[in-house]
Amino acid sequence: MKLSFVIPAWNEEELIGRTIESIHVSASDYDYEIIVADDASEDRTSEIANGLQTTVVSCNNRQIGMTRNDGAAVASGDVLIFVDADTIVSEPVVRETVEA
């Protein structure tokens, strides 16, 4: 089973790196991918995400639902996990999500 973490983001350069790193640490026992749906950020959000082993999808929606959908559209996982760009993901949360 592959997990797809989808992160909608707009101007999240201050926090996106911590969020992505927390997923890499917490999901290391699984086959996973991280997709950042960058909703026309005007800062370094995409640049930071690109440097941290993610797939960055560029969009210009200004609506979080549509931005999540743009990220999900390129996901290849069996399970989609949507994460806000300012969330620290823990291993127990990933495990409980997989078990559910």
C-alpha atoms as a PDB file:
ATOM      1  CA  MET A   1       0.000   0.000   0.000  1.00  0.00           C
ATOM      2  CA  LYS A   2       1.315   3.426  -0.962  1.00  0.00           C
ATOM      3  CA  LEU A   3       0.477   6.622   0.917  1.00  0.00           C
ATOM      4  CA  SER A   4       0.088   9.988  -0.801  1.00  0.00           C
ATOM      5  CA  PHE A   5       0.439  13.014   1.454  1.00  0.00           C
ATOM      6  CA  VAL A   6      -1.117  16.070  -0.180  1.00  0.00           C
ATOM      7  CA  ILE A   7      -0.226  19.497   1.211  1.00  0.00           C
ATOM      8  CA  PRO A   8      -2.118  22.533  -0.111  1.00  0.00           C
ATOM      9  CA  ALA A   9       0.101  25.582   0.355  1.00  0.00           C
ATOM     10  CA  TRP A  10       0.060  29.325  -0.142  1.00  0.00           C
ATOM     11  CA  ASN A  11       2.997  31.425   1.081  1.00  0.00           C
ATOM     12  CA  GLU A  12       4.145  28.800   3.588  1.00  0.00           C
ATOM     13  CA  GLU A  13       7.923  29.219   3.340  1.00  0.00           C
ATOM     14  CA  GLU A  14       8.277  29.577   7.115  1.00  0.00           C
ATOM     15  CA  LEU A  15       6.608  26.256   7.980  1.00  0.00           C
ATOM     16  CA  ILE A  16       6.495  23.990   4.916  1.00  0.00           C
ATOM     17  CA  GLY A  17       9.972  22.571   5.517  1.00  0.00           C
ATOM     18  CA  ARG A  18       9.113  21.371   9.027  1.00  0.00           C
ATOM     19  CA  THR A  19       5.883  19.828   7.799  1.00  0.00           C
ATOM     20  CA  ILE A  20       7.598  17.945   4.979  1.00  0.00           C
ATOM     21  CA  GLU A  21      10.444  16.753   7.207  1.00  0.00           C
ATOM     22  CA  SER A  22       7.928  15.490   9.792  1.00  0.00           C
ATOM     23  CA  ILE A  23       6.262  13.391   7.103  1.00  0.00           C
ATOM     24  CA  HIS A  24       9.585  11.957   5.918  1.00  0.00           C
ATOM     25  CA  VAL A  25      10.408  10.902   9.489  1.00  0.00           C
ATOM     26  CA  SER A  26       6.923   9.664  10.411  1.00  0.00           C
ATOM     27  CA  ALA A  27       6.214   7.740   7.207  1.00  0.00           C
ATOM     28  CA  SER A  28       9.646   6.161   6.731  1.00  0.00           C
ATOM     29  CA  ASP A  29       8.271   2.645   7.314  1.00  0.00           C
ATOM     30  CA  TYR A  30       5.858   3.016   4.394  1.00  0.00           C
ATOM     31  CA  ASP A  31       5.933   3.479   0.649  1.00  0.00           C
ATOM     32  CA  TYR A  32       4.881   7.117   0.329  1.00  0.00           C
ATOM     33  CA  GLU A  33       5.020  10.305  -1.676  1.00  0.00           C
ATOM     34  CA  ILE A  34       4.548  13.938  -0.751  1.00  0.00           C
ATOM     35  CA  ILE A  35       2.734  16.299  -3.088  1.00  0.00           C
ATOM     36  CA  VAL A  36       2.715  20.036  -2.431  1.00  0.00           C
ATOM     37  CA  ALA A  37      -0.060  21.850  -4.268  1.00  0.00           C
ATOM     38  CA  ASP A  38       1.339  25.371  -4.439  1.00  0.00           C
ATOM     39  CA  ASP A  39      -1.538  27.788  -4.889  1.00  0.00           C
ATOM     40  CA  ALA A  40       0.296  30.707  -6.533  1.00  0.00           C
ATOM     41  CA  SER A  41       2.623  31.412  -3.614  1.00  0.00           C
ATOM     42  CA  GLU A  42       4.588  34.629  -3.806  1.00  0.00           C
ATOM     43  CA  ASP A  43       7.400  33.389  -1.577  1.00  0.00           C
ATOM     44  CA  ARG A  44       9.847  30.449  -1.613  1.00  0.00           C
ATOM     45  CA  THR A  45       7.257  27.731  -0.832  1.00  0.00           C
ATOM     46  CA  SER A  46       7.816  25.843  -4.111  1.00  0.00           C
ATOM     47  CA  GLU A  47      11.584  26.204  -3.958  1.00  0.00           C
ATOM     48  CA  ILE A  48      11.727  24.807  -0.422  1.00  0.00           C
ATOM     49  CA  ALA A  49       9.359  21.937  -1.236  1.00  0.00           C
ATOM     50  CA  ASN A  50      11.313  21.037  -4.392  1.00  0.00           C
ATOM     51  CA  GLY A  51      14.450  20.674  -2.305  1.00  0.00           C
ATOM     52  CA  LEU A  52      12.823  18.205   0.080  1.00  0.00           C
ATOM     53  CA  GLN A  53      11.892  15.258  -2.136  1.00  0.00           C
ATOM     54  CA  THR A  54       8.364  16.279  -3.029  1.00  0.00           C
ATOM     55  CA  THR A  55       6.308  16.679  -6.146  1.00  0.00           C
ATOM     56  CA  VAL A  56       5.189  20.277  -6.516  1.00  0.00           C
ATOM     57  CA  VAL A  57       1.997  21.010  -8.436  1.00  0.00           C
ATOM     58  CA  SER A  58       1.480  24.637  -9.398  1.00  0.00           C
ATOM     59  CA  CYS A  59      -2.061  25.961  -9.386  1.00  0.00           C
ATOM     60  CA  ASN A  60      -3.923  29.234  -9.035  1.00  0.00           C
ATOM     61  CA  ASN A  61      -7.240  28.516  -7.356  1.00  0.00           C
ATOM     62  CA  ARG A  62      -7.380  30.617  -4.217  1.00  0.00           C
ATOM     63  CA  GLN A  63      -9.657  27.900  -2.807  1.00  0.00           C
ATOM     64  CA  ILE A  64      -8.270  25.181  -0.574  1.00  0.00           C
ATOM     65  CA  GLY A  65     -10.656  22.478  -1.810  1.00  0.00           C
ATOM     66  CA  MET A  66      -9.697  22.958  -5.434  1.00  0.00           C
ATOM     67  CA  THR A  67      -6.029  23.124  -4.461  1.00  0.00           C
ATOM     68  CA  ARG A  68      -6.299  19.828  -2.561  1.00  0.00           C
ATOM     69  CA  ASN A  69      -7.965  18.319  -5.624  1.00  0.00           C
ATOM     70  CA  ASP A  70      -5.122  19.505  -7.877  1.00  0.00           C
ATOM     71  CA  GLY A  71      -2.649  17.739  -5.597  1.00  0.00           C
ATOM     72  CA  ALA A  72      -4.771  14.599  -5.394  1.00  0.00           C
ATOM     73  CA  ALA A  73      -5.039  14.464  -9.190  1.00  0.00           C
ATOM     74  CA  VAL A  74      -1.342  13.594  -9.494  1.00  0.00           C
ATOM     75  CA  ALA A  75      -1.204  11.263  -6.495  1.00  0.00           C
ATOM     76  CA  SER A  76      -0.301   7.643  -7.151  1.00  0.00           C
ATOM     77  CA  GLY A  77      -1.006   6.278  -3.687  1.00  0.00           C
ATOM     78  CA  ASP A  78      -3.746   3.956  -2.506  1.00  0.00           C
ATOM     79  CA  VAL A  79      -4.460   6.196   0.480  1.00  0.00           C
ATOM     80  CA  LEU A  80      -4.651   9.986   0.334  1.00  0.00           C
ATOM     81  CA  ILE A  81      -3.699  11.902   3.461  1.00  0.00           C
ATOM     82  CA  PHE A  82      -4.338  15.634   3.381  1.00  0.00           C
ATOM     83  CA  VAL A  83      -2.065  17.697   5.617  1.00  0.00           C
ATOM     84  CA  ASP A  84      -2.123  21.437   6.247  1.00  0.00           C
ATOM     85  CA  ALA A  85       1.157  23.170   5.470  1.00  0.00           C
ATOM     86  CA  ASP A  86       1.673  24.137   9.117  1.00  0.00           C
ATOM     87  CA  THR A  87       1.065  20.678  10.635  1.00  0.00           C
ATOM     88  CA  ILE A  88       3.674  18.443  12.231  1.00  0.00           C
ATOM     89  CA  VAL A  89       2.845  14.825  11.416  1.00  0.00           C
ATOM     90  CA  SER A  90       3.742  12.149  13.954  1.00  0.00           C
ATOM     91  CA  GLU A  91       4.384   8.444  13.443  1.00  0.00           C
ATOM     92  CA  PRO A  92       1.389   7.379  15.591  1.00  0.00           C
ATOM     93  CA  VAL A  93      -0.931   9.493  13.445  1.00  0.00           C
ATOM     94  CA  VAL A  94       0.386   7.895  10.257  1.00  0.00           C
ATOM     95  CA  ARG A  95       0.066   4.405  11.761  1.00  0.00           C
ATOM     96  CA  GLU A  96      -3.478   5.046  13.012  1.00  0.00           C
ATOM     97  CA  THR A  97      -4.477   6.467   9.625  1.00  0.00           C
ATOM     98  CA  VAL A  98      -3.183   3.366   7.853  1.00  0.00           C
ATOM     99  CA  GLU A  99      -4.926   1.084  10.343  1.00  0.00           C
ATOM    100  CA  ALA A 100      -8.240   2.938   9.924  1.00  0.00           C
END
